[in-house]
Protein backbone atom coordinates (compact mmCIF):
# COMPACT_ATOMS: atom_id res chain seq x y z
CA MET A 1 -0.13 0.01 -0.08
CA ARG A 2 1.24 3.34 -0.87
CA VAL A 3 0.76 5.91 1.97
CA LEU A 4 1.36 9.67 1.95
CA HIS A 5 1.70 11.27 5.18
CA VAL A 6 1.25 15.08 5.44
CA VAL A 7 2.71 17.12 7.96
CA THR A 8 3.14 20.91 8.66
CA LEU A 9 6.78 21.54 9.30
CA HIS A 10 9.90 19.96 9.62
CA THR A 11 12.99 21.87 11.25
CA PRO A 12 16.44 21.01 12.52
CA ASP A 13 15.26 21.09 15.96
CA ASN A 14 11.74 19.31 15.51
CA ALA A 15 10.06 22.63 16.43
CA PHE A 16 6.65 21.09 15.26
CA GLY A 17 7.20 18.38 18.03
CA GLY A 18 4.77 15.62 18.49
CA PRO A 19 2.83 15.41 15.26
CA MET A 20 5.96 15.16 13.23
CA THR A 21 7.35 12.47 15.49
CA VAL A 22 4.18 10.47 15.44
CA ALA A 23 4.06 10.61 11.40
CA ALA A 24 7.67 9.50 11.47
CA ASN A 25 6.91 6.86 13.71
CA LEU A 26 4.01 5.55 12.20
CA CYS A 27 5.79 5.69 8.63
CA ARG A 28 8.86 3.77 9.83
CA GLU A 29 6.80 0.88 11.10
CA LEU A 30 4.55 0.87 8.05
CA ARG A 31 7.71 0.57 5.84
CA ARG A 32 8.85 -2.13 8.48
CA GLN A 33 5.53 -4.19 7.70
CA GLY A 34 6.08 -3.65 3.86
CA ASP A 35 3.78 -0.64 2.93
CA GLU A 36 5.48 2.22 0.94
CA ALA A 37 5.16 5.18 3.33
CA THR A 38 6.47 8.92 2.38
CA ILE A 39 6.23 12.27 4.26
CA LEU A 40 5.38 15.45 2.71
CA THR A 41 6.08 18.52 4.51
CA MET A 42 7.53 22.08 4.66
CA SER A 43 10.77 23.07 6.01
CA ARG A 44 12.42 26.10 7.77
CA GLY A 45 16.19 26.31 9.07
CA PHE A 46 17.81 24.11 6.20
CA ALA A 47 20.30 25.39 3.92
CA GLN A 48 19.01 22.47 1.65
CA PRO A 49 16.00 20.53 2.50
CA PRO A 50 16.48 17.05 3.31
CA ASP A 51 14.86 14.01 1.46
CA VAL A 52 14.80 12.08 4.60
CA VAL A 53 12.76 13.05 7.94
CA GLN A 54 13.73 10.77 10.96
CA GLY A 55 14.71 7.92 8.69
CA VAL A 56 11.58 8.28 6.49
CA PRO A 57 11.69 9.09 2.86
CA ALA A 58 10.42 12.72 2.48
CA VAL A 59 9.31 15.40 0.00
CA VAL A 60 10.43 18.48 1.90
CA ALA A 61 10.14 21.94 0.25
CA PRO A 62 11.08 25.32 1.77
CA GLY A 63 8.27 27.04 3.57
CA TYR A 64 8.06 31.03 3.82
CA ARG A 65 6.76 32.88 6.78
CA LEU A 66 3.99 35.26 5.41
CA ALA A 67 2.84 36.48 8.82
CA PRO A 68 5.11 35.86 12.17
CA PRO A 69 2.31 36.82 14.51
CA LEU A 70 0.28 33.55 13.11
CA GLY A 71 3.08 31.04 13.90
CA MET A 72 2.95 27.82 12.03
CA SER A 73 -0.68 29.02 10.27
CA GLY A 74 1.55 31.58 8.75
CA ILE A 75 3.89 29.62 6.61
CA VAL A 76 3.38 28.92 3.01
CA SER A 77 5.31 26.52 0.64
CA PRO A 78 4.36 26.78 -3.00
CA GLY A 79 6.74 24.01 -3.70
CA ALA A 80 5.11 21.80 -1.32
CA LEU A 81 1.68 22.37 -2.64
CA ARG A 82 2.84 22.04 -6.24
CA ARG A 83 4.36 18.72 -5.53
CA ALA A 84 1.46 17.71 -3.52
CA TRP A 85 -0.97 16.81 -6.38
CA PRO A 86 0.74 14.07 -8.25
CA LEU A 87 1.78 12.50 -4.62
CA VAL A 88 -1.90 12.59 -3.88
CA ARG A 89 -2.88 10.95 -7.19
CA GLN A 90 -0.40 7.99 -6.73
CA ALA A 91 -1.27 7.39 -3.11
CA ASP A 92 -3.71 4.61 -2.23
CA VAL A 93 -4.38 6.72 1.18
CA VAL A 94 -3.65 10.05 2.23
CA HIS A 95 -2.91 10.48 5.94
CA VAL A 96 -2.96 14.17 6.83
CA HIS A 97 -2.13 15.35 10.22
CA LEU A 98 -4.35 18.27 10.25
CA ALA A 99 -3.93 21.65 11.46
CA ARG A 100 -5.21 24.91 10.65
CA ASP A 101 -2.47 25.81 8.35
CA LEU A 102 -1.52 26.33 4.71
CA LEU A 103 -0.33 22.82 3.88
CA THR A 104 -2.31 20.23 5.60
CA ALA A 105 -5.67 21.57 5.09
CA PRO A 106 -5.11 22.45 1.43
CA VAL A 107 -3.76 18.89 0.48
CA ALA A 108 -6.45 17.04 2.47
CA ALA A 109 -8.86 18.95 0.19
CA MET A 110 -6.81 17.82 -2.78
CA ALA A 111 -7.34 14.23 -1.69
CA LEU A 112 -10.91 14.77 -1.95
CA GLN A 113 -11.03 16.24 -4.98
CA ALA A 114 -8.65 13.72 -6.60
CA GLY A 115 -10.83 10.64 -4.79
CA THR A 116 -8.03 9.53 -2.83
CA PRO A 117 -9.20 7.71 0.45
CA LEU A 118 -8.40 10.40 3.26
CA VAL A 119 -7.63 9.90 6.82
CA VAL A 120 -6.99 12.68 9.24
CA GLN A 121 -5.46 12.98 12.63
CA THR A 122 -5.85 16.07 14.63
CA HIS A 123 -3.41 15.62 17.62
CA GLY A 124 -5.70 18.11 19.42
CA MET A 125 -4.86 20.99 17.00
CA VAL A 126 -8.38 21.61 15.52
CA ASP A 127 -10.62 22.67 18.18
CA ALA A 128 -13.08 25.36 18.83
CA SER A 129 -11.58 28.94 18.27
CA ASP A 130 -12.57 32.56 18.24
CA LYS A 131 -9.46 33.43 16.05
CA ARG A 132 -10.51 35.18 12.77
CA LEU A 133 -7.97 32.94 10.70
CA ALA A 134 -9.54 29.69 12.29
CA GLY A 135 -12.90 30.96 11.62
CA VAL A 136 -11.92 31.53 7.95
CA LEU A 137 -9.92 28.21 7.49
CA ASP A 138 -13.04 26.36 9.18
CA ALA A 139 -15.36 27.57 6.84
CA VAL A 140 -13.44 27.40 3.67
CA LEU A 141 -11.69 24.04 4.22
CA VAL A 142 -11.42 22.51 7.60
CA ARG A 143 -15.26 21.36 8.19
CA ARG A 144 -15.42 20.01 4.62
CA VAL A 145 -12.29 17.94 5.37
CA LEU A 146 -13.56 16.59 8.45
CA ARG A 147 -16.86 15.87 7.31
CA GLU A 148 -15.75 13.91 3.96
CA ALA A 149 -12.75 12.11 5.36
CA GLY A 150 -12.87 8.41 5.39
CA ALA A 151 -11.71 8.53 9.08
CA ILE A 152 -10.83 10.96 11.77
CA LEU A 153 -8.33 9.87 14.23
CA HIS A 154 -8.41 11.18 17.91
CA LEU A 155 -6.49 10.38 20.97
CA THR A 156 -8.71 11.43 23.86
CA GLU A 157 -12.26 12.15 24.71
CA LEU A 158 -11.59 15.65 25.22
CA GLU A 159 -10.17 15.83 21.51
CA ARG A 160 -13.43 13.85 20.48
CA SER A 161 -15.42 16.38 21.94
CA GLN A 162 -13.52 19.42 20.58
CA LEU A 163 -13.84 17.91 17.05
CA LEU A 164 -17.61 17.53 17.64
CA GLU A 165 -17.50 21.18 18.55
CA VAL A 166 -16.15 22.27 15.40
CA LEU A 167 -18.13 19.86 13.14
CA GLY A 168 -21.42 20.54 14.50
CA ASP A 169 -24.34 18.07 14.29
CA PRO A 170 -24.70 15.36 13.28
CA ALA A 171 -21.63 13.72 14.72
CA PRO A 172 -19.74 11.55 11.87
CA THR A 173 -19.30 8.00 12.36
CA THR A 174 -15.78 8.24 11.01
CA LEU A 175 -14.39 9.40 14.76
CA GLN A 176 -12.22 6.72 16.06
CA ARG A 177 -9.47 6.82 18.68
CA LEU A 178 -5.94 5.80 17.81
CA VAL A 179 -3.16 5.99 20.59
CA ASN A 180 0.46 7.23 19.87
CA GLY A 181 2.92 4.56 20.07
CA VAL A 182 6.59 4.56 20.32
CA PRO A 183 9.41 2.02 19.15
CA PRO A 184 10.27 -0.36 21.78
CA GLY A 185 13.03 0.98 23.96
CA THR A 186 15.76 -0.72 26.11
CA ARG A 187 15.33 0.26 29.51
CA ARG A 188 17.57 2.62 30.84
CA THR A 189 20.19 1.44 33.35
CA SER A 190 19.76 3.01 37.07
CA PRO A 191 21.33 6.55 37.05
CA THR A 192 24.73 7.06 38.93
CA GLY A 193 26.18 10.47 40.09
CA PRO A 194 23.98 13.39 40.68
CA PRO A 195 20.29 12.90 39.83
CA VAL A 196 19.29 14.69 36.44
CA VAL A 197 15.46 15.95 36.29
CA SER A 198 14.53 16.59 32.87
CA TYR A 199 11.97 18.73 31.05
CA ILE A 200 11.61 18.00 27.15
CA ALA A 201 8.96 19.98 25.78
CA ARG A 202 8.01 23.37 23.89
CA PHE A 203 8.35 26.41 25.96
CA GLN A 204 4.80 27.65 25.89
CA ARG A 205 2.27 28.67 28.47
CA ARG A 206 0.45 25.35 28.57
CA LYS A 207 3.29 23.32 29.12
CA ARG A 208 4.10 25.38 32.60
CA PRO A 209 8.00 25.08 32.44
CA ALA A 210 8.26 27.72 34.98
CA ASP A 211 6.51 25.62 37.51
CA LEU A 212 9.15 23.09 37.44
CA VAL A 213 11.81 25.76 37.72
CA ARG A 214 9.98 27.30 40.75
CA ALA A 215 9.70 23.75 42.51
CA PHE A 216 13.51 22.87 42.17
CA PRO A 217 14.87 24.42 45.12
CA SER A 218 12.71 22.23 47.40
CA VAL A 219 14.44 19.37 45.30
CA LEU A 220 17.84 20.97 45.83
CA ALA A 221 17.09 21.24 49.48
CA GLU A 222 17.25 17.20 49.95
CA HIS A 223 19.60 16.80 46.91
CA PRO A 224 21.91 19.68 46.59
CA ASP A 225 23.83 17.95 43.80
CA ALA A 226 20.70 17.50 41.49
CA ARG A 227 20.62 19.14 38.19
CA LEU A 228 17.53 20.22 35.99
CA VAL A 229 18.07 20.14 32.33
CA LEU A 230 15.68 21.86 30.12
CA ALA A 231 15.26 21.14 26.43
CA GLY A 232 12.83 22.35 23.72
CA PRO A 233 12.21 25.19 21.23
CA ASP A 234 10.74 28.62 22.52
CA GLU A 235 6.98 29.27 21.93
CA GLY A 236 6.79 32.49 23.86
CA GLU A 237 7.92 31.19 27.49
CA LEU A 238 11.48 30.64 27.41
CA ALA A 239 12.78 34.20 28.46
CA ASP A 240 10.47 34.33 31.16
CA THR A 241 11.41 30.66 32.32
CA LEU A 242 15.08 31.24 32.03
CA ALA A 243 14.86 34.61 33.97
CA LEU A 244 13.57 32.50 37.01
CA VAL A 245 17.13 30.96 37.31
CA PRO A 246 19.32 33.53 38.13
CA SER A 247 16.53 35.32 40.06
CA MET A 248 16.22 32.13 42.44
CA GLY A 249 19.96 31.39 42.62
CA LEU A 250 19.91 28.25 40.38
CA GLN A 251 22.66 29.33 37.77
CA ARG A 252 24.68 25.89 39.11
CA SER A 253 21.72 23.78 39.12
CA VAL A 254 19.66 24.46 35.94
CA ASP A 255 20.84 23.92 32.19
CA TYR A 256 19.01 24.81 29.12
CA VAL A 257 20.40 22.64 26.29
CA GLY A 258 17.99 23.96 23.30
CA ALA A 259 15.95 22.17 21.10
CA LEU A 260 16.91 18.57 20.68
CA ASP A 261 16.64 16.11 17.65
CA HIS A 262 15.25 12.64 18.22
CA ASP A 263 18.66 11.05 19.12
CA GLY A 264 19.41 13.94 21.61
CA VAL A 265 16.09 13.52 23.54
CA VAL A 266 16.51 10.03 24.08
CA ASP A 267 20.13 10.30 24.97
CA LEU A 268 19.06 12.81 27.81
CA LEU A 269 16.15 10.66 29.09
CA ARG A 270 18.64 7.76 29.42
CA ARG A 271 20.60 10.14 31.72
CA SER A 272 17.35 11.15 33.70
CA SER A 273 16.36 9.94 36.95
CA VAL A 274 13.10 11.74 36.67
CA HIS A 275 11.25 13.32 33.46
CA VAL A 276 8.69 16.10 34.26
CA LEU A 277 6.08 17.55 32.20
CA PRO A 278 3.78 19.94 34.17
CA ALA A 279 1.56 20.99 31.15
CA VAL A 280 -2.17 21.23 31.56
CA ASP A 281 -4.78 19.68 29.22
CA GLU A 282 -1.90 17.84 27.34
CA PRO A 283 -3.64 15.19 25.18
CA PHE A 284 -0.72 12.64 24.67
CA PRO A 285 2.60 13.84 24.72
CA MET A 286 5.28 12.00 22.85
CA SER A 287 8.00 13.18 25.29
CA VAL A 288 6.19 11.44 28.02
CA LEU A 289 5.88 8.08 25.74
CA GLU A 290 9.50 8.30 24.83
CA ALA A 291 10.47 8.84 28.74
CA LEU A 292 8.40 5.52 29.53
CA SER A 293 9.70 3.58 26.79
CA VAL A 294 13.08 3.62 28.22
CA GLY A 295 11.95 3.10 31.83
CA VAL A 296 11.98 6.78 33.17
CA PRO A 297 9.54 7.57 35.92
CA THR A 298 7.58 10.43 35.05
CA VAL A 299 5.77 13.13 36.64
CA VAL A 300 2.33 14.84 34.92
CA THR A 301 -0.69 16.80 35.82
CA THR A 302 -4.06 15.21 36.22
CA THR A 303 -5.16 16.86 32.89
CA ASN A 304 -2.61 14.94 31.11
CA GLY A 305 -4.14 12.15 28.83
CA LEU A 306 -1.68 9.74 30.00
CA ALA A 307 -2.19 10.65 33.66
CA ALA A 308 -4.39 7.49 34.43
CA ASP A 309 -2.02 5.02 32.75
CA ILE A 310 1.08 6.30 34.59
CA ARG A 311 -0.83 6.38 37.98
CA ASP A 312 -2.46 2.79 37.52
CA ALA A 313 0.79 1.19 36.64
CA GLY A 314 3.00 3.06 39.12
CA ALA A 315 5.20 4.34 36.43
CA GLY A 316 5.59 7.81 37.98
CA ARG A 317 3.42 10.48 39.82
CA VAL A 318 0.14 12.41 38.98
CA VAL A 319 -0.11 16.02 40.46
CA ASP A 320 -3.00 18.40 40.81
CA GLY A 321 -0.64 21.52 40.20
CA ALA A 322 2.50 22.96 40.96
CA ASP A 323 2.61 22.41 44.50
CA GLY A 324 2.94 18.70 44.06
CA ILE A 325 5.89 18.93 41.59
CA ALA A 326 8.50 18.88 44.27
CA PRO A 327 7.04 16.15 46.47
CA ALA A 328 6.43 14.06 43.60
CA VAL A 329 9.99 14.35 42.16
CA LEU A 330 11.65 13.90 45.83
CA SER A 331 9.75 10.61 45.97
CA LEU A 332 10.99 9.33 42.58
CA LEU A 333 14.44 10.16 43.54
CA ASP A 334 14.48 7.72 46.29
CA PRO A 335 16.26 4.63 44.69
CA ALA A 336 13.84 2.23 46.68
CA VAL A 337 10.96 4.11 44.64
CA ASN A 338 12.75 4.90 41.30
CA GLU A 339 13.89 1.38 40.29
CA PRO A 340 10.41 -0.41 40.42
CA ALA A 341 9.00 2.88 38.95
CA SER A 342 11.05 2.41 36.15
CA ARG A 343 10.61 -1.20 35.43
CA ALA A 344 6.67 -0.09 35.61
CA ALA A 345 7.29 2.53 33.00
CA HIS A 346 8.90 0.34 30.59
CA GLU A 347 6.34 -2.41 31.22
CA LEU A 348 3.71 0.00 30.66
CA SER A 349 5.30 1.35 27.45
CA THR A 350 5.63 -2.32 25.93
CA ARG A 351 2.13 -3.43 26.97
CA ALA A 352 -0.02 -0.37 26.03
CA PHE A 353 1.88 1.76 23.47
CA SER A 354 3.62 -0.64 21.23
CA LEU A 355 3.99 1.04 17.94
CA SER A 356 3.56 -2.41 16.05
CA ALA A 357 0.14 -2.73 17.73
CA VAL A 358 -0.86 0.94 16.82
CA VAL A 359 0.06 0.52 13.35
CA ASP A 360 -1.74 -2.80 13.07
CA SER A 361 -4.86 -0.89 13.99
CA LEU A 362 -3.94 1.80 11.53
CA ARG A 363 -3.49 -0.53 8.72
CA SER A 364 -7.13 -1.89 9.46
CA THR A 365 -8.39 1.59 9.24
CA TYR A 366 -6.70 2.25 5.87
CA GLY A 367 -8.18 -1.04 4.48
CA ARG A 368 -11.59 -0.08 5.71
CA VAL A 369 -11.26 3.68 4.07
CA VAL A 370 -9.93 2.19 1.08
CA ALA A 371 -12.87 -0.41 0.67
CA ILE A 372 -15.46 2.18 0.76
CA GLY A 373 -13.69 4.35 -1.66
């Protein structure tokens, strides 16, 4: 089967984060199972756009920022749109990681026009919005794409309800849940030396990185040699977060290492005693899945889509808010707690979030969508 995955943006530091990582993971596993999977995307930050994305053959065209205040939605790529039509016509299935942008929504509409079976996956990026551009894109493209797609994939019940709000009544029968999966990872060895606490995510308001920095003095009170390593691209919160470091006297204990590629993420996780994502309303974070896959106990909030899994498996800690971060980290830094939590994290990943099982389900979806035309 020839499958075209369409994702908004590829950058050297993986600024688009989870959706690109999900697409690449799915494509690698599809190819391992014998399908022909390719990624189409825009790029920023490369002297020469690559032809491989995270190990997957890709068609990558330069993107140009038309309106910086619009973020990802303000990037356009005439080259990507020009190359999209023949790719869509040649594909057996087009799988669009749909956002309100100037690539994924237009290519999804191309698939409908070409009569190529279409699957869309929104990653929580399409919800009810009062922004003017969102209203325009919804009216022109997004609602039609959602209503006419052969399948709409969602992660959580919250995302499903958000999609229904955008769609309005009647609810389509094409909505189905597909969890994110990760490749199998070898459990990291028990860390030695000063404990490392990691944060690996975009620096944006919803992710709450500052909450972790504010909690760290309480960790240092019991583990004065501990280090907090922050990683990820800036989406508006980096300066304020890093400004807390000198103001709280944490210069010797906190490092910001910038945005990391996938190998860099895995390397940092393997050195981590505990991973923390203080984000609220986080649907299904890839950084947490990657932490679990290598056996790193993780702290998340109650509104994280993985909270129940982590709590029930004993794979980390679930906190109500910022006040719970330091006690949760301290409990997991106890070796007698960390080791069984690490085993539980790795077992949870293998049992519940195996990439091969996710792709088995996805291939069934593709087969159904192709069968109905």
